[in-house]
Amino acid sequence: MTNKQLEEGQIVLCTVEKVIGTTVFVKIDGNGEGTITTSEIAPGRIRNLRNYVVPNKKIVCKILNLKSGRIHLSLRRVKQYERKELLDKIKKEKNYKAILRTVLGKEESEEIVKKISETQNIADFFEEIKKDSKILEKYFTKEQTEKIIRIIETKKDKPKELKQIFRISNKSSDGIVIVKEIIQTAISGTNADVSYISAGKYSIKIHGKDFKEIKIQINQIIELIEKQAKKNNCEFSVEK
């Protein structure tokens, strides 16, 4: 059974129901049921499916297609920033609903959440409020609006973080110097932090307010490193 809100490429939170043979059956939070085949669990050969999925476990998946009333999902195709972005949004939703319960009480807050959800996600609604608090007047009294604004102002969003592992090496006598210069040039003028792991393996981390923006920054830095690596005859690769 599908839901009109679902579409191909969408990232959704699921709960594993059961594992039968090479198929994983899941419940999509608030949106029916779906399945994941073994090939969409993780890259490479999977010896034991239960090392990745077990009943009642929460997992973040990507919708591959909706055909014949069935929803086909993938676990392995979900990018790191997509997973973090969804989990962050879900966490915000819970916090915003808690704010409404504090101001309105349980029953009235549930009614308001249901009304708002008819047109948009609760997290998106509150993000709009931060830009234009007058939106609240459509749903709340003046007193309730003031209380909600005061609570929101006391809660500051924590900075988001993403990281990417990559490898770069140069076999020449001054290879270490070349690699160091390539990395330093690529991250110059950014808030990126690159740390050495081992044997030509590095980790790049970036903090910011938005996961998508951070991902764009990481991609730009990685592209610069790759470009300079080719020019300087370095071996380069990025971990998926």
Protein backbone atom coordinates (compact mmCIF):
# COMPACT_ATOMS: atom_id res chain seq x y z
CA MET A 1 0.00 0.00 0.00
CA THR A 2 1.42 3.36 -1.00
CA ASN A 3 0.85 6.88 0.21
CA LYS A 4 0.35 9.92 -2.02
CA GLN A 5 3.05 11.76 -0.09
CA LEU A 6 5.70 9.25 -1.09
CA GLU A 7 7.78 9.57 -4.25
CA GLU A 8 10.83 8.00 -5.86
CA GLY A 9 14.12 9.21 -4.39
CA GLN A 10 12.53 10.24 -1.08
CA ILE A 11 14.42 9.49 2.14
CA VAL A 12 12.25 7.84 4.79
CA LEU A 13 12.56 6.38 8.28
CA CYS A 14 11.58 2.72 8.51
CA THR A 15 11.21 0.04 11.15
CA VAL A 16 12.31 -3.49 10.26
CA GLU A 17 9.38 -5.90 10.68
CA LYS A 18 10.84 -9.21 9.54
CA VAL A 19 13.53 -10.80 7.41
CA ILE A 20 12.47 -13.65 5.15
CA GLY A 21 15.12 -15.22 2.92
CA THR A 22 16.74 -12.40 0.96
CA THR A 23 13.98 -9.86 1.55
CA VAL A 24 13.58 -7.38 4.37
CA PHE A 25 10.06 -6.21 5.18
CA VAL A 26 9.74 -2.78 6.79
CA LYS A 27 7.14 -0.31 7.97
CA ILE A 28 7.62 3.20 6.64
CA ASP A 29 6.82 5.60 9.45
CA GLY A 30 3.29 6.85 8.78
CA ASN A 31 3.33 5.64 5.19
CA GLY A 32 2.56 1.93 4.93
CA GLU A 33 4.96 -0.91 4.17
CA GLY A 34 7.90 -1.60 1.89
CA THR A 35 10.57 -4.16 1.03
CA ILE A 36 14.36 -4.17 0.60
CA THR A 37 16.22 -6.85 -1.34
CA THR A 38 19.65 -8.08 -0.21
CA SER A 39 21.43 -6.24 -3.04
CA GLU A 40 20.04 -2.94 -1.67
CA ILE A 41 21.17 -3.49 1.92
CA ALA A 42 24.89 -2.86 1.52
CA PRO A 43 27.55 -2.88 -1.24
CA GLY A 44 29.51 -6.07 -1.76
CA ARG A 45 28.72 -9.58 -0.63
CA ILE A 46 26.56 -9.96 2.46
CA ARG A 47 27.27 -13.10 4.47
CA ASN A 48 24.72 -12.48 7.22
CA LEU A 49 21.78 -10.19 6.53
CA ARG A 50 21.06 -9.83 10.24
CA ASN A 51 24.36 -8.02 10.75
CA TYR A 52 22.66 -5.09 9.01
CA VAL A 53 18.96 -5.44 9.78
CA VAL A 54 17.05 -7.02 12.66
CA PRO A 55 13.36 -6.80 13.63
CA ASN A 56 12.35 -3.55 15.37
CA LYS A 57 15.51 -1.74 14.26
CA LYS A 58 15.06 1.79 12.87
CA ILE A 59 16.77 2.36 9.52
CA VAL A 60 16.87 5.24 7.02
CA CYS A 61 16.06 4.21 3.45
CA LYS A 62 15.62 5.68 -0.02
CA ILE A 63 12.54 4.91 -2.11
CA LEU A 64 13.64 3.29 -5.37
CA ASN A 65 10.22 2.93 -6.97
CA LEU A 66 6.51 2.54 -6.32
CA LYS A 67 5.08 -0.12 -8.61
CA SER A 68 1.91 -2.20 -8.51
CA GLY A 69 1.04 -0.95 -5.05
CA ARG A 70 4.45 -1.93 -3.64
CA ILE A 71 7.22 0.27 -2.30
CA HIS A 72 10.77 -0.85 -3.07
CA LEU A 73 13.51 0.65 -0.89
CA SER A 74 17.28 0.83 -0.58
CA LEU A 75 19.45 1.11 2.51
CA ARG A 76 22.84 1.26 0.80
CA ARG A 77 21.96 4.18 -1.51
CA VAL A 78 21.29 6.59 1.36
CA LYS A 79 24.10 9.13 1.57
CA GLN A 80 25.54 10.15 4.92
CA TYR A 81 24.21 13.71 4.74
CA GLU A 82 20.74 12.47 3.68
CA ARG A 83 20.56 10.18 6.70
CA LYS A 84 21.71 12.88 9.09
CA GLU A 85 19.38 15.42 7.53
CA LEU A 86 16.31 13.19 8.00
CA LEU A 87 17.20 12.20 11.57
CA ASP A 88 17.81 15.85 12.43
CA LYS A 89 14.42 16.79 10.98
CA ILE A 90 12.67 14.05 12.96
CA LYS A 91 14.39 15.21 16.15
CA LYS A 92 13.27 18.78 15.47
CA GLU A 93 9.69 17.62 14.90
CA LYS A 94 9.64 15.96 18.31
CA ASN A 95 11.04 19.09 19.95
CA TYR A 96 8.52 21.36 18.20
CA LYS A 97 5.61 19.10 19.17
CA ALA A 98 6.87 19.21 22.76
CA ILE A 99 6.79 23.02 22.60
CA LEU A 100 3.17 22.94 21.45
CA ARG A 101 2.23 20.51 24.25
CA THR A 102 3.85 22.86 26.77
CA VAL A 103 1.89 25.86 25.49
CA LEU A 104 -1.43 24.25 24.51
CA GLY A 105 -1.71 20.98 26.39
CA LYS A 106 -1.84 17.51 24.88
CA GLU A 107 -5.26 17.45 23.21
CA GLU A 108 -5.21 20.93 21.68
CA SER A 109 -1.60 20.52 20.49
CA GLU A 110 -2.49 17.26 18.72
CA GLU A 111 -5.35 19.00 16.92
CA ILE A 112 -3.08 21.87 15.82
CA VAL A 113 -0.36 19.45 14.65
CA LYS A 114 -2.94 17.56 12.60
CA LYS A 115 -4.20 20.81 11.05
CA ILE A 116 -0.70 22.08 10.17
CA SER A 117 0.32 18.68 8.81
CA GLU A 118 -2.44 18.87 6.19
CA THR A 119 -0.33 21.38 4.27
CA GLN A 120 3.24 20.97 5.49
CA ASN A 121 5.68 19.21 7.77
CA ILE A 122 5.85 20.49 11.39
CA ALA A 123 9.61 21.02 11.16
CA ASP A 124 9.20 23.08 7.96
CA PHE A 125 6.41 25.07 9.61
CA PHE A 126 8.62 26.06 12.53
CA GLU A 127 11.53 26.91 10.24
CA GLU A 128 9.22 29.37 8.47
CA ILE A 129 8.21 30.83 11.84
CA LYS A 130 11.85 31.72 12.51
CA LYS A 131 11.74 33.88 9.37
CA ASP A 132 8.21 35.25 9.83
CA SER A 133 6.56 34.83 13.25
CA LYS A 134 3.28 36.31 11.93
CA ILE A 135 2.51 32.87 10.50
CA LEU A 136 1.66 31.78 14.06
CA GLU A 137 -1.32 34.15 14.16
CA LYS A 138 -3.17 31.85 11.77
CA TYR A 139 -3.26 29.06 14.36
CA PHE A 140 -2.68 30.59 17.79
CA THR A 141 -3.89 33.37 20.05
CA LYS A 142 -1.67 36.35 20.75
CA GLU A 143 -0.71 34.97 24.16
CA GLN A 144 0.09 31.52 22.77
CA THR A 145 2.10 33.06 19.95
CA GLU A 146 4.22 35.06 22.38
CA LYS A 147 4.91 31.96 24.50
CA ILE A 148 5.92 29.90 21.48
CA ILE A 149 8.27 32.61 20.20
CA ARG A 150 9.91 32.94 23.63
CA ILE A 151 10.54 29.19 23.81
CA ILE A 152 11.92 29.04 20.26
CA GLU A 153 14.30 31.92 20.97
CA THR A 154 15.78 30.04 23.94
CA LYS A 155 16.54 26.99 21.80
CA LYS A 156 19.47 27.40 19.42
CA ASP A 157 20.21 24.90 16.65
CA LYS A 158 23.42 22.96 17.22
CA PRO A 159 25.93 23.11 14.36
CA LYS A 160 25.73 20.20 11.92
CA GLU A 161 28.77 18.11 10.99
CA LEU A 162 29.61 15.91 8.03
CA LYS A 163 32.78 14.03 7.22
CA GLN A 164 34.25 12.31 4.18
CA ILE A 165 37.10 9.80 4.06
CA PHE A 166 39.50 9.97 1.13
CA ARG A 167 42.91 8.61 0.12
CA ILE A 168 45.71 10.49 -1.54
CA SER A 169 49.36 9.53 -1.94
CA ASN A 170 52.39 10.34 -4.06
CA LYS A 171 55.33 7.97 -4.45
CA SER A 172 57.95 10.62 -5.27
CA SER A 173 60.65 11.57 -2.72
CA ASP A 174 58.76 14.72 -1.75
CA GLY A 175 55.35 13.07 -2.00
CA ILE A 176 54.30 13.97 1.54
CA VAL A 177 55.01 17.65 0.88
CA ILE A 178 53.03 17.57 -2.38
CA VAL A 179 50.03 15.92 -0.71
CA LYS A 180 50.12 18.38 2.17
CA GLU A 181 50.16 21.37 -0.21
CA ILE A 182 47.27 19.95 -2.24
CA ILE A 183 45.11 19.51 0.86
CA GLN A 184 45.98 22.88 2.38
CA THR A 185 45.24 24.69 -0.89
CA ALA A 186 41.88 22.91 -1.26
CA ILE A 187 40.65 23.81 2.24
CA SER A 188 42.05 27.35 2.24
CA GLY A 189 39.33 29.89 3.07
CA THR A 190 36.93 27.24 4.42
CA ASN A 191 36.13 25.96 7.90
CA ALA A 192 37.07 22.42 6.86
CA ASP A 193 39.32 20.34 9.09
CA VAL A 194 41.40 17.54 7.57
CA SER A 195 43.07 14.93 9.76
CA TYR A 196 45.46 12.12 8.86
CA ILE A 197 44.23 8.59 9.63
CA SER A 198 46.84 6.20 8.24
CA ALA A 199 48.66 5.12 5.06
CA GLY A 200 47.48 7.97 2.82
CA LYS A 201 44.02 7.94 4.37
CA TYR A 202 42.46 11.23 5.50
CA SER A 203 39.22 12.51 6.99
CA ILE A 204 37.67 15.86 6.12
CA LYS A 205 35.11 17.40 8.50
CA ILE A 206 32.98 20.50 8.04
CA HIS A 207 30.56 22.19 10.43
CA GLY A 208 27.62 24.34 9.38
CA LYS A 209 23.92 25.11 9.78
CA ASP A 210 22.59 23.05 6.89
CA PHE A 211 23.52 19.51 5.82
CA LYS A 212 23.01 20.20 2.12
CA GLU A 213 25.25 23.27 2.20
CA ILE A 214 27.93 21.33 4.08
CA LYS A 215 27.74 18.51 1.55
CA ILE A 216 28.19 20.98 -1.32
CA GLN A 217 31.28 22.40 0.42
CA ILE A 218 32.78 18.94 0.98
CA ASN A 219 32.14 17.99 -2.66
CA GLN A 220 33.84 21.18 -3.87
CA ILE A 221 36.91 20.53 -1.70
CA ILE A 222 37.10 16.89 -2.78
CA GLU A 223 36.88 17.96 -6.45
CA LEU A 224 39.75 20.42 -5.94
CA ILE A 225 41.88 17.76 -4.26
CA GLU A 226 41.14 15.25 -7.02
CA LYS A 227 41.97 17.78 -9.74
CA GLN A 228 45.32 18.67 -8.16
CA ALA A 229 46.05 15.02 -7.42
CA LYS A 230 45.83 14.21 -11.14
CA LYS A 231 48.08 17.14 -12.05
CA ASN A 232 50.71 15.97 -9.55
CA ASN A 233 50.53 12.24 -10.42
CA CYS A 234 48.98 11.28 -7.10
CA GLU A 235 46.79 8.28 -6.40
CA PHE A 236 43.38 9.44 -5.24
CA SER A 237 40.09 7.82 -4.18
CA VAL A 238 37.04 8.59 -2.08
CA GLU A 239 35.36 6.13 0.26
CA LYS A 240 31.69 5.60 -0.52
